[in-house]
């Protein structure tokens, strides 16, 4: 009977819910919006990948903004536009980082969106 309890305990221990970042090779950032007007918010999401390109389901990241007076970002990835300008939003996990620009403007978003997409 003790062997069964040990085997079941070992199984559950192996299936723990801890974040595995030891194989993390790259991070990809995705946001719901990249151009905001002041006082609007958007969410940034970090996706982790190993060296073979396989997605790592859960990674913990530290978020930061290059200019917190233009855009702030919470620990959950929610960015808030504060004033006009461009801020770089970055995520770091296990020494791996990724960044995306967030523009804050009152100019029509369609025009800016076309400018951003036509240059890439």
PDB file of N, CA and C in Angstrom:
ATOM      1  N   UNK A   1       0.821  -1.194   0.000  1.00  0.00           N
ATOM      2  CA  UNK A   1       0.000   0.000   0.000  1.00  0.00           C
ATOM      3  C   UNK A   1       0.862   1.254   0.000  1.00  0.00           C
ATOM      4  N   UNK A   2       1.957   1.210   0.773  1.00  0.00           N
ATOM      5  CA  UNK A   2       2.848   2.364   0.826  1.00  0.00           C
ATOM      6  C   UNK A   2       3.477   2.658  -0.526  1.00  0.00           C
ATOM      7  N   UNK A   3       3.709   1.613  -1.317  1.00  0.00           N
ATOM      8  CA  UNK A   3       4.287   1.813  -2.649  1.00  0.00           C
ATOM      9  C   UNK A   3       3.337   2.601  -3.540  1.00  0.00           C
ATOM     10  N   UNK A   4       2.046   2.309  -3.438  1.00  0.00           N
ATOM     11  CA  UNK A   4       1.061   3.034  -4.243  1.00  0.00           C
ATOM     12  C   UNK A   4       0.994   4.504  -3.842  1.00  0.00           C
ATOM     13  N   UNK A   5       1.019   4.744  -2.551  1.00  0.00           N
ATOM     14  CA  UNK A   5       0.994   6.129  -2.072  1.00  0.00           C
ATOM     15  C   UNK A   5       2.251   6.860  -2.536  1.00  0.00           C
ATOM     16  N   UNK A   6       3.392   6.177  -2.460  1.00  0.00           N
ATOM     17  CA  UNK A   6       4.642   6.774  -2.911  1.00  0.00           C
ATOM     18  C   UNK A   6       4.581   7.073  -4.410  1.00  0.00           C
ATOM     19  N   UNK A   7       4.080   6.131  -5.200  1.00  0.00           N
ATOM     20  CA  UNK A   7       3.995   6.316  -6.650  1.00  0.00           C
ATOM     21  C   UNK A   7       3.060   7.468  -7.006  1.00  0.00           C
ATOM     22  N   UNK A   8       1.938   7.552  -6.335  1.00  0.00           N
ATOM     23  CA  UNK A   8       0.986   8.637  -6.598  1.00  0.00           C
ATOM     24  C   UNK A   8       1.591   9.977  -6.187  1.00  0.00           C
ATOM     25  N   UNK A   9       2.271  10.008  -5.051  1.00  0.00           N
ATOM     26  CA  UNK A   9       2.917  11.244  -4.597  1.00  0.00           C
ATOM     27  C   UNK A   9       3.986  11.687  -5.582  1.00  0.00           C
ATOM     28  N   UNK A  10       4.774  10.743  -6.070  1.00  0.00           N
ATOM     29  CA  UNK A  10       5.806  11.052  -7.048  1.00  0.00           C
ATOM     30  C   UNK A  10       5.199  11.601  -8.332  1.00  0.00           C
ATOM     31  N   UNK A  11       4.093  11.019  -8.762  1.00  0.00           N
ATOM     32  CA  UNK A  11       3.404  11.493  -9.965  1.00  0.00           C
ATOM     33  C   UNK A  11       2.966  12.946  -9.803  1.00  0.00           C
ATOM     34  N   UNK A  12       2.317  13.263  -8.689  1.00  0.00           N
ATOM     35  CA  UNK A  12       1.853  14.633  -8.471  1.00  0.00           C
ATOM     36  C   UNK A  12       3.010  15.605  -8.303  1.00  0.00           C
ATOM     37  N   UNK A  13       4.090  15.163  -7.689  1.00  0.00           N
ATOM     38  CA  UNK A  13       5.262  16.021  -7.553  1.00  0.00           C
ATOM     39  C   UNK A  13       5.842  16.342  -8.927  1.00  0.00           C
ATOM     40  N   UNK A  14       5.866  15.369  -9.827  1.00  0.00           N
ATOM     41  CA  UNK A  14       6.396  15.577 -11.175  1.00  0.00           C
ATOM     42  C   UNK A  14       5.503  16.487 -11.998  1.00  0.00           C
ATOM     43  N   UNK A  15       4.241  16.572 -11.659  1.00  0.00           N
ATOM     44  CA  UNK A  15       3.289  17.401 -12.402  1.00  0.00           C
ATOM     45  C   UNK A  15       3.092  18.757 -11.741  1.00  0.00           C
ATOM     46  N   UNK A  16       4.105  19.263 -11.052  1.00  0.00           N
ATOM     47  CA  UNK A  16       3.925  20.531 -10.351  1.00  0.00           C
ATOM     48  C   UNK A  16       3.669  21.658 -11.340  1.00  0.00           C
ATOM     49  N   UNK A  17       3.216  22.782 -10.816  1.00  0.00           N
ATOM     50  CA  UNK A  17       2.799  23.908 -11.645  1.00  0.00           C
ATOM     51  C   UNK A  17       3.831  25.034 -11.639  1.00  0.00           C
ATOM     52  N   UNK A  18       5.093  24.700 -11.418  1.00  0.00           N
ATOM     53  CA  UNK A  18       6.121  25.722 -11.393  1.00  0.00           C
ATOM     54  C   UNK A  18       6.484  26.143 -12.810  1.00  0.00           C
ATOM     55  N   UNK A  19       6.927  27.382 -12.919  1.00  0.00           N
ATOM     56  CA  UNK A  19       7.329  27.925 -14.210  1.00  0.00           C
ATOM     57  C   UNK A  19       8.699  27.365 -14.579  1.00  0.00           C
ATOM     58  N   UNK A  20       8.826  26.847 -15.789  1.00  0.00           N
ATOM     59  CA  UNK A  20      10.080  26.292 -16.269  1.00  0.00           C
ATOM     60  C   UNK A  20      10.700  27.258 -17.276  1.00  0.00           C
ATOM     61  N   UNK A  21      11.788  27.922 -16.886  1.00  0.00           N
ATOM     62  CA  UNK A  21      12.430  28.874 -17.784  1.00  0.00           C
ATOM     63  C   UNK A  21      13.861  28.474 -18.116  1.00  0.00           C
ATOM     64  N   UNK A  22      14.312  27.320 -17.655  1.00  0.00           N
ATOM     65  CA  UNK A  22      15.698  26.935 -17.887  1.00  0.00           C
ATOM     66  C   UNK A  22      15.997  26.749 -19.366  1.00  0.00           C
ATOM     67  N   UNK A  23      14.998  26.408 -20.171  1.00  0.00           N
ATOM     68  CA  UNK A  23      15.197  26.213 -21.599  1.00  0.00           C
ATOM     69  C   UNK A  23      14.802  27.434 -22.413  1.00  0.00           C
ATOM     70  N   UNK A  24      14.476  28.541 -21.759  1.00  0.00           N
ATOM     71  CA  UNK A  24      14.032  29.742 -22.448  1.00  0.00           C
ATOM     72  C   UNK A  24      15.139  30.285 -23.340  1.00  0.00           C
ATOM     73  N   UNK A  25      14.798  30.524 -24.613  1.00  0.00           N
ATOM     74  CA  UNK A  25      15.760  31.043 -25.576  1.00  0.00           C
ATOM     75  C   UNK A  25      15.365  32.424 -26.084  1.00  0.00           C
ATOM     76  N   UNK A  26      14.070  32.615 -26.350  1.00  0.00           N
ATOM     77  CA  UNK A  26      13.592  33.908 -26.840  1.00  0.00           C
ATOM     78  C   UNK A  26      12.243  34.242 -26.216  1.00  0.00           C
ATOM     79  N   UNK A  27      11.960  35.530 -26.207  1.00  0.00           N
ATOM     80  CA  UNK A  27      10.668  36.031 -25.757  1.00  0.00           C
ATOM     81  C   UNK A  27      10.071  36.844 -26.889  1.00  0.00           C
ATOM     82  N   UNK A  28       8.794  36.672 -27.114  1.00  0.00           N
ATOM     83  CA  UNK A  28       8.055  37.453 -28.106  1.00  0.00           C
ATOM     84  C   UNK A  28       6.987  38.245 -27.366  1.00  0.00           C
ATOM     85  N   UNK A  29       6.912  39.551 -27.645  1.00  0.00           N
ATOM     86  CA  UNK A  29       5.893  40.396 -27.032  1.00  0.00           C
ATOM     87  C   UNK A  29       4.778  40.665 -28.019  1.00  0.00           C
ATOM     88  N   UNK A  30       3.567  40.605 -27.517  1.00  0.00           N
ATOM     89  CA  UNK A  30       2.368  40.892 -28.305  1.00  0.00           C
ATOM     90  C   UNK A  30       1.501  41.811 -27.466  1.00  0.00           C
ATOM     91  N   UNK A  31       0.887  42.804 -28.112  1.00  0.00           N
ATOM     92  CA  UNK A  31      -0.022  43.710 -27.403  1.00  0.00           C
ATOM     93  C   UNK A  31      -1.341  43.779 -28.148  1.00  0.00           C
ATOM     94  N   UNK A  32      -2.385  44.167 -27.433  1.00  0.00           N
ATOM     95  CA  UNK A  32      -3.685  44.333 -28.086  1.00  0.00           C
ATOM     96  C   UNK A  32      -3.696  45.595 -28.935  1.00  0.00           C
ATOM     97  N   UNK A  33      -2.916  46.604 -28.574  1.00  0.00           N
ATOM     98  CA  UNK A  33      -2.775  47.852 -29.337  1.00  0.00           C
ATOM     99  C   UNK A  33      -1.353  48.364 -29.162  1.00  0.00           C
ATOM    100  N   UNK A  34      -0.815  49.014 -30.210  1.00  0.00           N
ATOM    101  CA  UNK A  34       0.509  49.618 -30.122  1.00  0.00           C
ATOM    102  C   UNK A  34       0.460  51.140 -30.234  1.00  0.00           C
ATOM    103  N   UNK A  35      -0.706  51.676 -30.551  1.00  0.00           N
ATOM    104  CA  UNK A  35      -0.905  53.118 -30.659  1.00  0.00           C
ATOM    105  C   UNK A  35      -2.098  53.484 -29.787  1.00  0.00           C
ATOM    106  N   UNK A  36      -1.861  54.332 -28.800  1.00  0.00           N
ATOM    107  CA  UNK A  36      -2.911  54.708 -27.858  1.00  0.00           C
ATOM    108  C   UNK A  36      -3.040  56.218 -27.775  1.00  0.00           C
ATOM    109  N   UNK A  37      -4.204  56.643 -27.329  1.00  0.00           N
ATOM    110  CA  UNK A  37      -4.415  58.031 -26.966  1.00  0.00           C
ATOM    111  C   UNK A  37      -4.209  58.129 -25.455  1.00  0.00           C
ATOM    112  N   UNK A  38      -3.890  59.330 -24.941  1.00  0.00           N
ATOM    113  CA  UNK A  38      -3.703  59.464 -23.495  1.00  0.00           C
ATOM    114  C   UNK A  38      -4.892  58.906 -22.707  1.00  0.00           C
ATOM    115  N   UNK A  39      -4.585  58.238 -21.619  1.00  0.00           N
ATOM    116  CA  UNK A  39      -5.533  57.598 -20.694  1.00  0.00           C
ATOM    117  C   UNK A  39      -6.105  56.277 -21.194  1.00  0.00           C
ATOM    118  N   UNK A  40      -5.705  55.811 -22.361  1.00  0.00           N
ATOM    119  CA  UNK A  40      -6.130  54.490 -22.822  1.00  0.00           C
ATOM    120  C   UNK A  40      -5.164  53.435 -22.283  1.00  0.00           C
ATOM    121  N   UNK A  41      -5.623  52.190 -22.275  1.00  0.00           N
ATOM    122  CA  UNK A  41      -4.783  51.087 -21.816  1.00  0.00           C
ATOM    123  C   UNK A  41      -4.738  49.980 -22.861  1.00  0.00           C
ATOM    124  N   UNK A  42      -3.724  49.158 -22.770  1.00  0.00           N
ATOM    125  CA  UNK A  42      -3.572  47.973 -23.595  1.00  0.00           C
ATOM    126  C   UNK A  42      -2.851  46.926 -22.760  1.00  0.00           C
ATOM    127  N   UNK A  43      -2.954  45.682 -23.171  1.00  0.00           N
ATOM    128  CA  UNK A  43      -2.255  44.610 -22.467  1.00  0.00           C
ATOM    129  C   UNK A  43      -1.134  44.065 -23.331  1.00  0.00           C
ATOM    130  N   UNK A  44       0.023  43.871 -22.722  1.00  0.00           N
ATOM    131  CA  UNK A  44       1.149  43.205 -23.359  1.00  0.00           C
ATOM    132  C   UNK A  44       1.218  41.784 -22.822  1.00  0.00           C
ATOM    133  N   UNK A  45       1.541  40.855 -23.710  1.00  0.00           N
ATOM    134  CA  UNK A  45       1.673  39.442 -23.352  1.00  0.00           C
ATOM    135  C   UNK A  45       3.058  38.974 -23.776  1.00  0.00           C
ATOM    136  N   UNK A  46       3.711  38.190 -22.942  1.00  0.00           N
ATOM    137  CA  UNK A  46       5.031  37.644 -23.246  1.00  0.00           C
ATOM    138  C   UNK A  46       4.900  36.157 -23.529  1.00  0.00           C
ATOM    139  N   UNK A  47       5.441  35.759 -24.669  1.00  0.00           N
ATOM    140  CA  UNK A  47       5.459  34.340 -25.045  1.00  0.00           C
ATOM    141  C   UNK A  47       6.909  33.874 -25.045  1.00  0.00           C
ATOM    142  N   UNK A  48       7.167  32.765 -24.388  1.00  0.00           N
ATOM    143  CA  UNK A  48       8.512  32.220 -24.341  1.00  0.00           C
ATOM    144  C   UNK A  48       8.676  31.060 -25.301  1.00  0.00           C
ATOM    145  N   UNK A  49       9.886  30.929 -25.844  1.00  0.00           N
ATOM    146  CA  UNK A  49      10.203  29.846 -26.773  1.00  0.00           C
ATOM    147  C   UNK A  49      11.571  29.271 -26.428  1.00  0.00           C
ATOM    148  N   UNK A  50      11.716  27.953 -26.619  1.00  0.00           N
ATOM    149  CA  UNK A  50      13.019  27.330 -26.407  1.00  0.00           C
ATOM    150  C   UNK A  50      13.843  27.437 -27.685  1.00  0.00           C
ATOM    151  N   UNK A  51      15.059  26.877 -27.677  1.00  0.00           N
ATOM    152  CA  UNK A  51      15.958  27.012 -28.831  1.00  0.00           C
ATOM    153  C   UNK A  51      15.431  26.325 -30.084  1.00  0.00           C
ATOM    154  N   UNK A  52      14.509  25.374 -29.926  1.00  0.00           N
ATOM    155  CA  UNK A  52      13.926  24.688 -31.076  1.00  0.00           C
ATOM    156  C   UNK A  52      12.652  25.360 -31.574  1.00  0.00           C
ATOM    157  N   UNK A  53      12.276  26.475 -30.948  1.00  0.00           N
ATOM    158  CA  UNK A  53      11.071  27.188 -31.356  1.00  0.00           C
ATOM    159  C   UNK A  53       9.796  26.691 -30.706  1.00  0.00           C
ATOM    160  N   UNK A  54       9.911  25.773 -29.764  1.00  0.00           N
ATOM    161  CA  UNK A  54       8.735  25.276 -29.051  1.00  0.00           C
ATOM    162  C   UNK A  54       8.304  26.291 -28.006  1.00  0.00           C
ATOM    163  N   UNK A  55       7.018  26.507 -27.929  1.00  0.00           N
ATOM    164  CA  UNK A  55       6.485  27.489 -26.990  1.00  0.00           C
ATOM    165  C   UNK A  55       6.566  26.957 -25.564  1.00  0.00           C
ATOM    166  N   UNK A  56       6.988  27.823 -24.654  1.00  0.00           N
ATOM    167  CA  UNK A  56       6.987  27.528 -23.226  1.00  0.00           C
ATOM    168  C   UNK A  56       5.733  28.174 -22.669  1.00  0.00           C
ATOM    169  N   UNK A  57       4.848  27.362 -22.131  1.00  0.00           N
ATOM    170  CA  UNK A  57       3.516  27.835 -21.762  1.00  0.00           C
ATOM    171  C   UNK A  57       3.511  28.949 -20.732  1.00  0.00           C
ATOM    172  N   UNK A  58       4.333  28.853 -19.715  1.00  0.00           N
ATOM    173  CA  UNK A  58       4.290  29.849 -18.646  1.00  0.00           C
ATOM    174  C   UNK A  58       5.684  30.385 -18.375  1.00  0.00           C
ATOM    175  N   UNK A  59       5.828  31.704 -18.480  1.00  0.00           N
ATOM    176  CA  UNK A  59       7.073  32.335 -18.065  1.00  0.00           C
ATOM    177  C   UNK A  59       6.726  33.539 -17.191  1.00  0.00           C
ATOM    178  N   UNK A  60       7.548  33.776 -16.204  1.00  0.00           N
ATOM    179  CA  UNK A  60       7.410  34.970 -15.380  1.00  0.00           C
ATOM    180  C   UNK A  60       8.319  36.035 -15.958  1.00  0.00           C
ATOM    181  N   UNK A  61       7.801  37.230 -16.156  1.00  0.00           N
ATOM    182  CA  UNK A  61       8.604  38.321 -16.692  1.00  0.00           C
ATOM    183  C   UNK A  61       8.525  39.533 -15.776  1.00  0.00           C
ATOM    184  N   UNK A  62       9.554  40.352 -15.856  1.00  0.00           N
ATOM    185  CA  UNK A  62       9.560  41.660 -15.212  1.00  0.00           C
ATOM    186  C   UNK A  62       9.333  42.686 -16.309  1.00  0.00           C
ATOM    187  N   UNK A  63       8.296  43.495 -16.149  1.00  0.00           N
ATOM    188  CA  UNK A  63       7.937  44.508 -17.139  1.00  0.00           C
ATOM    189  C   UNK A  63       8.594  45.837 -16.792  1.00  0.00           C
ATOM    190  N   UNK A  64       8.906  46.624 -17.835  1.00  0.00           N
ATOM    191  CA  UNK A  64       9.414  47.971 -17.604  1.00  0.00           C
ATOM    192  C   UNK A  64       9.068  48.854 -18.796  1.00  0.00           C
ATOM    193  N   UNK A  65       9.058  50.155 -18.541  1.00  0.00           N
ATOM    194  CA  UNK A  65       8.828  51.162 -19.573  1.00  0.00           C
ATOM    195  C   UNK A  65      10.063  52.041 -19.647  1.00  0.00           C
ATOM    196  N   UNK A  66      10.505  52.347 -20.872  1.00  0.00           N
ATOM    197  CA  UNK A  66      11.678  53.204 -21.032  1.00  0.00           C
ATOM    198  C   UNK A  66      11.386  54.633 -20.606  1.00  0.00           C
ATOM    199  N   UNK A  67      10.110  55.008 -20.608  1.00  0.00           N
ATOM    200  CA  UNK A  67       9.722  56.360 -20.221  1.00  0.00           C
ATOM    201  C   UNK A  67       8.394  56.306 -19.475  1.00  0.00           C
ATOM    202  N   UNK A  68       8.430  56.078 -18.169  1.00  0.00           N
ATOM    203  CA  UNK A  68       7.195  55.942 -17.390  1.00  0.00           C
ATOM    204  C   UNK A  68       6.307  57.177 -17.386  1.00  0.00           C
ATOM    205  N   UNK A  69       6.824  58.338 -17.795  1.00  0.00           N
ATOM    206  CA  UNK A  69       5.970  59.526 -17.876  1.00  0.00           C
ATOM    207  C   UNK A  69       5.112  59.506 -19.140  1.00  0.00           C
ATOM    208  N   UNK A  70       5.483  58.679 -20.120  1.00  0.00           N
ATOM    209  CA  UNK A  70       4.689  58.522 -21.349  1.00  0.00           C
ATOM    210  C   UNK A  70       3.758  57.329 -21.225  1.00  0.00           C
ATOM    211  N   UNK A  71       4.279  56.208 -20.770  1.00  0.00           N
ATOM    212  CA  UNK A  71       3.457  54.999 -20.602  1.00  0.00           C
ATOM    213  C   UNK A  71       3.972  54.206 -19.413  1.00  0.00           C
ATOM    214  N   UNK A  72       3.061  53.794 -18.562  1.00  0.00           N
ATOM    215  CA  UNK A  72       3.424  52.944 -17.428  1.00  0.00           C
ATOM    216  C   UNK A  72       2.999  51.520 -17.747  1.00  0.00           C
ATOM    217  N   UNK A  73       3.595  50.563 -17.056  1.00  0.00           N
ATOM    218  CA  UNK A  73       3.205  49.165 -17.246  1.00  0.00           C
ATOM    219  C   UNK A  73       3.175  48.469 -15.889  1.00  0.00           C
ATOM    220  N   UNK A  74       2.123  47.692 -15.665  1.00  0.00           N
ATOM    221  CA  UNK A  74       1.952  46.991 -14.390  1.00  0.00           C
ATOM    222  C   UNK A  74       2.672  45.648 -14.420  1.00  0.00           C
ATOM    223  N   UNK A  75       2.733  44.997 -13.276  1.00  0.00           N
ATOM    224  CA  UNK A  75       3.327  43.660 -13.184  1.00  0.00           C
ATOM    225  C   UNK A  75       2.547  42.636 -13.989  1.00  0.00           C
ATOM    226  N   UNK A  76       1.290  42.927 -14.313  1.00  0.00           N
ATOM    227  CA  UNK A  76       0.445  42.016 -15.089  1.00  0.00           C
ATOM    228  C   UNK A  76       0.510  42.303 -16.584  1.00  0.00           C
ATOM    229  N   UNK A  77       1.280  43.313 -17.016  1.00  0.00           N
ATOM    230  CA  UNK A  77       1.416  43.625 -18.433  1.00  0.00           C
ATOM    231  C   UNK A  77       0.428  44.647 -18.950  1.00  0.00           C
ATOM    232  N   UNK A  78      -0.293  45.326 -18.064  1.00  0.00           N
ATOM    233  CA  UNK A  78      -1.231  46.358 -18.516  1.00  0.00           C
ATOM    234  C   UNK A  78      -0.486  47.685 -18.641  1.00  0.00           C
ATOM    235  N   UNK A  79      -0.464  48.217 -19.870  1.00  0.00           N
ATOM    236  CA  UNK A  79       0.196  49.497 -20.130  1.00  0.00           C
ATOM    237  C   UNK A  79      -0.852  50.594 -20.189  1.00  0.00           C
ATOM    238  N   UNK A  80      -0.519  51.739 -19.600  1.00  0.00           N
ATOM    239  CA  UNK A  80      -1.420  52.889 -19.623  1.00  0.00           C
ATOM    240  C   UNK A  80      -0.703  54.060 -20.263  1.00  0.00           C
ATOM    241  N   UNK A  81      -1.358  54.659 -21.265  1.00  0.00           N
ATOM    242  CA  UNK A  81      -0.822  55.838 -21.935  1.00  0.00           C
ATOM    243  C   UNK A  81      -1.036  57.049 -21.042  1.00  0.00           C
ATOM    244  N   UNK A  82       0.031  57.803 -20.790  1.00  0.00           N
ATOM    245  CA  UNK A  82      -0.054  58.945 -19.887  1.00  0.00           C
ATOM    246  C   UNK A  82       0.111  60.283 -20.608  1.00  0.00           C
ATOM    247  N   UNK A  83       1.081  60.368 -21.517  1.00  0.00           N
ATOM    248  CA  UNK A  83       1.301  61.615 -22.253  1.00  0.00           C
ATOM    249  C   UNK A  83       1.886  61.295 -23.625  1.00  0.00           C
ATOM    250  N   UNK A  84       1.887  62.275 -24.500  1.00  0.00           N
ATOM    251  CA  UNK A  84       2.325  62.086 -25.887  1.00  0.00           C
ATOM    252  C   UNK A  84       3.798  61.690 -25.962  1.00  0.00           C
ATOM    253  N   UNK A  85       4.096  60.771 -26.867  1.00  0.00           N
ATOM    254  CA  UNK A  85       5.465  60.325 -27.083  1.00  0.00           C
ATOM    255  C   UNK A  85       5.518  58.840 -27.371  1.00  0.00           C
ATOM    256  N   UNK A  86       6.719  58.309 -27.348  1.00  0.00           N
ATOM    257  CA  UNK A  86       6.929  56.880 -27.593  1.00  0.00           C
ATOM    258  C   UNK A  86       7.698  56.303 -26.413  1.00  0.00           C
ATOM    259  N   UNK A  87       7.212  55.203 -25.905  1.00  0.00           N
ATOM    260  CA  UNK A  87       7.887  54.477 -24.823  1.00  0.00           C
ATOM    261  C   UNK A  87       8.161  53.060 -25.299  1.00  0.00           C
ATOM    262  N   UNK A  88       9.276  52.532 -24.905  1.00  0.00           N
ATOM    263  CA  UNK A  88       9.605  51.147 -25.210  1.00  0.00           C
ATOM    264  C   UNK A  88       9.216  50.291 -24.012  1.00  0.00           C
ATOM    265  N   UNK A  89       8.350  49.313 -24.265  1.00  0.00           N
ATOM    266  CA  UNK A  89       7.914  48.383 -23.225  1.00  0.00           C
ATOM    267  C   UNK A  89       8.788  47.136 -23.336  1.00  0.00           C
ATOM    268  N   UNK A  90       9.382  46.734 -22.225  1.00  0.00           N
ATOM    269  CA  UNK A  90      10.294  45.590 -22.222  1.00  0.00           C
ATOM    270  C   UNK A  90       9.859  44.543 -21.212  1.00  0.00           C
ATOM    271  N   UNK A  91      10.183  43.296 -21.539  1.00  0.00           N
ATOM    272  CA  UNK A  91       9.951  42.169 -20.639  1.00  0.00           C
ATOM    273  C   UNK A  91      11.256  41.394 -20.526  1.00  0.00           C
ATOM    274  N   UNK A  92      11.618  41.010 -19.297  1.00  0.00           N
ATOM    275  CA  UNK A  92      12.846  40.259 -19.053  1.00  0.00           C
ATOM    276  C   UNK A  92      12.507  39.026 -18.228  1.00  0.00           C
ATOM    277  N   UNK A  93      13.057  37.890 -18.641  1.00  0.00           N
ATOM    278  CA  UNK A  93      12.900  36.644 -17.894  1.00  0.00           C
ATOM    279  C   UNK A  93      14.176  35.832 -18.031  1.00  0.00           C
ATOM    280  N   UNK A  94      14.764  35.475 -16.911  1.00  0.00           N
ATOM    281  CA  UNK A  94      15.941  34.611 -16.908  1.00  0.00           C
ATOM    282  C   UNK A  94      17.063  35.161 -17.798  1.00  0.00           C
ATOM    283  N   UNK A  95      17.216  36.488 -17.825  1.00  0.00           N
ATOM    284  CA  UNK A  95      18.251  37.129 -18.625  1.00  0.00           C
ATOM    285  C   UNK A  95      17.899  37.323 -20.086  1.00  0.00           C
ATOM    286  N   UNK A  96      16.751  36.846 -20.527  1.00  0.00           N
ATOM    287  CA  UNK A  96      16.287  37.005 -21.908  1.00  0.00           C
ATOM    288  C   UNK A  96      15.303  38.164 -21.936  1.00  0.00           C
ATOM    289  N   UNK A  97      15.420  39.042 -22.957  1.00  0.00           N
ATOM    290  CA  UNK A  97      14.526  40.199 -23.002  1.00  0.00           C
ATOM    291  C   UNK A  97      13.933  40.393 -24.392  1.00  0.00           C
ATOM    292  N   UNK A  98      12.844  41.148 -24.416  1.00  0.00           N
ATOM    293  CA  UNK A  98      12.186  41.540 -25.663  1.00  0.00           C
ATOM    294  C   UNK A  98      11.548  42.901 -25.431  1.00  0.00           C
ATOM    295  N   UNK A  99      11.406  43.688 -26.505  1.00  0.00           N
ATOM    296  CA  UNK A  99      10.852  45.036 -26.388  1.00  0.00           C
ATOM    297  C   UNK A  99       9.955  45.352 -27.571  1.00  0.00           C
ATOM    298  N   UNK A 100       8.991  46.226 -27.319  1.00  0.00           N
ATOM    299  CA  UNK A 100       8.099  46.760 -28.360  1.00  0.00           C
ATOM    300  C   UNK A 100       7.856  48.228 -28.053  1.00  0.00           C
ATOM    301  N   UNK A 101       7.695  49.024 -29.115  1.00  0.00           N
ATOM    302  CA  UNK A 101       7.384  50.432 -28.927  1.00  0.00           C
ATOM    303  C   UNK A 101       5.889  50.636 -28.779  1.00  0.00           C
ATOM    304  N   UNK A 102       5.537  51.570 -27.915  1.00  0.00           N
ATOM    305  CA  UNK A 102       4.153  51.971 -27.701  1.00  0.00           C
ATOM    306  C   UNK A 102       4.081  53.470 -27.956  1.00  0.00           C
ATOM    307  N   UNK A 103       3.264  53.871 -28.928  1.00  0.00           N
ATOM    308  CA  UNK A 103       3.110  55.285 -29.274  1.00  0.00           C
ATOM    309  C   UNK A 103       1.873  55.845 -28.593  1.00  0.00           C
ATOM    310  N   UNK A 104       2.025  57.025 -28.016  1.00  0.00           N
ATOM    311  CA  UNK A 104       0.909  57.728 -27.386  1.00  0.00           C
ATOM    312  C   UNK A 104       0.726  59.036 -28.136  1.00  0.00           C
ATOM    313  N   UNK A 105      -0.442  59.200 -28.748  1.00  0.00           N
ATOM    314  CA  UNK A 105      -0.693  60.365 -29.582  1.00  0.00           C
ATOM    315  C   UNK A 105      -2.175  60.665 -29.656  1.00  0.00           C
ATOM    316  N   UNK A 106      -2.503  61.872 -30.064  1.00  0.00           N
ATOM    317  CA  UNK A 106      -3.900  62.236 -30.323  1.00  0.00           C
ATOM    318  C   UNK A 106      -4.199  62.192 -31.810  1.00  0.00           C
ATOM    319  N   UNK A 107      -3.165  61.976 -32.630  1.00  0.00           N
ATOM    320  CA  UNK A 107      -3.338  61.887 -34.076  1.00  0.00           C
ATOM    321  C   UNK A 107      -4.175  60.666 -34.405  1.00  0.00           C
ATOM    322  N   UNK A 108      -4.890  60.766 -35.489  1.00  0.00           N
ATOM    323  CA  UNK A 108      -5.760  59.648 -35.872  1.00  0.00           C
ATOM    324  C   UNK A 108      -4.975  58.355 -35.965  1.00  0.00           C
ATOM    325  N   UNK A 109      -5.485  57.338 -35.327  1.00  0.00           N
ATOM    326  CA  UNK A 109      -4.793  56.058 -35.243  1.00  0.00           C
ATOM    327  C   UNK A 109      -4.679  55.370 -36.591  1.00  0.00           C
ATOM    328  N   UNK A 110      -5.639  55.562 -37.485  1.00  0.00           N
ATOM    329  CA  UNK A 110      -5.585  54.888 -38.781  1.00  0.00           C
ATOM    330  C   UNK A 110      -4.379  55.364 -39.577  1.00  0.00           C
ATOM    331  N   UNK A 111      -4.126  56.666 -39.573  1.00  0.00           N
ATOM    332  CA  UNK A 111      -2.983  57.205 -40.302  1.00  0.00           C
ATOM    333  C   UNK A 111      -1.683  56.646 -39.730  1.00  0.00           C
ATOM    334  N   UNK A 112      -1.542  56.674 -38.423  1.00  0.00           N
ATOM    335  CA  UNK A 112      -0.334  56.145 -37.804  1.00  0.00           C
ATOM    336  C   UNK A 112      -0.186  54.651 -38.030  1.00  0.00           C
ATOM    337  N   UNK A 113      -1.280  53.931 -37.994  1.00  0.00           N
ATOM    338  CA  UNK A 113      -1.227  52.494 -38.220  1.00  0.00           C
ATOM    339  C   UNK A 113      -0.710  52.196 -39.620  1.00  0.00           C
ATOM    340  N   UNK A 114      -1.156  52.960 -40.604  1.00  0.00           N
ATOM    341  CA  UNK A 114      -0.673  52.764 -41.972  1.00  0.00           C
ATOM    342  C   UNK A 114       0.805  53.099 -42.077  1.00  0.00           C
ATOM    343  N   UNK A 115       1.251  54.126 -41.362  1.00  0.00           N
ATOM    344  CA  UNK A 115       2.667  54.480 -41.381  1.00  0.00           C
ATOM    345  C   UNK A 115       3.511  53.373 -40.766  1.00  0.00           C
ATOM    346  N   UNK A 116       3.061  52.803 -39.650  1.00  0.00           N
ATOM    347  CA  UNK A 116       3.817  51.748 -38.989  1.00  0.00           C
ATOM    348  C   UNK A 116       3.862  50.487 -39.845  1.00  0.00           C
ATOM    349  N   UNK A 117       2.757  50.130 -40.486  1.00  0.00           N
ATOM    350  CA  UNK A 117       2.727  48.883 -41.252  1.00  0.00           C
ATOM    351  C   UNK A 117       3.392  49.028 -42.609  1.00  0.00           C
ATOM    352  N   UNK A 118       3.380  50.211 -43.205  1.00  0.00           N
ATOM    353  CA  UNK A 118       3.988  50.367 -44.522  1.00  0.00           C
ATOM    354  C   UNK A 118       5.505  50.407 -44.444  1.00  0.00           C
ATOM    355  N   UNK A 119       6.060  50.748 -43.286  1.00  0.00           N
ATOM    356  CA  UNK A 119       7.515  50.824 -43.155  1.00  0.00           C
ATOM    357  C   UNK A 119       8.149  49.483 -42.817  1.00  0.00           C
ATOM    358  N   UNK A 120       7.329  48.475 -42.532  1.00  0.00           N
ATOM    359  CA  UNK A 120       7.901  47.172 -42.167  1.00  0.00           C
ATOM    360  C   UNK A 120       7.775  46.179 -43.277  1.00  0.00           C
TER     361      UNK A 120
END
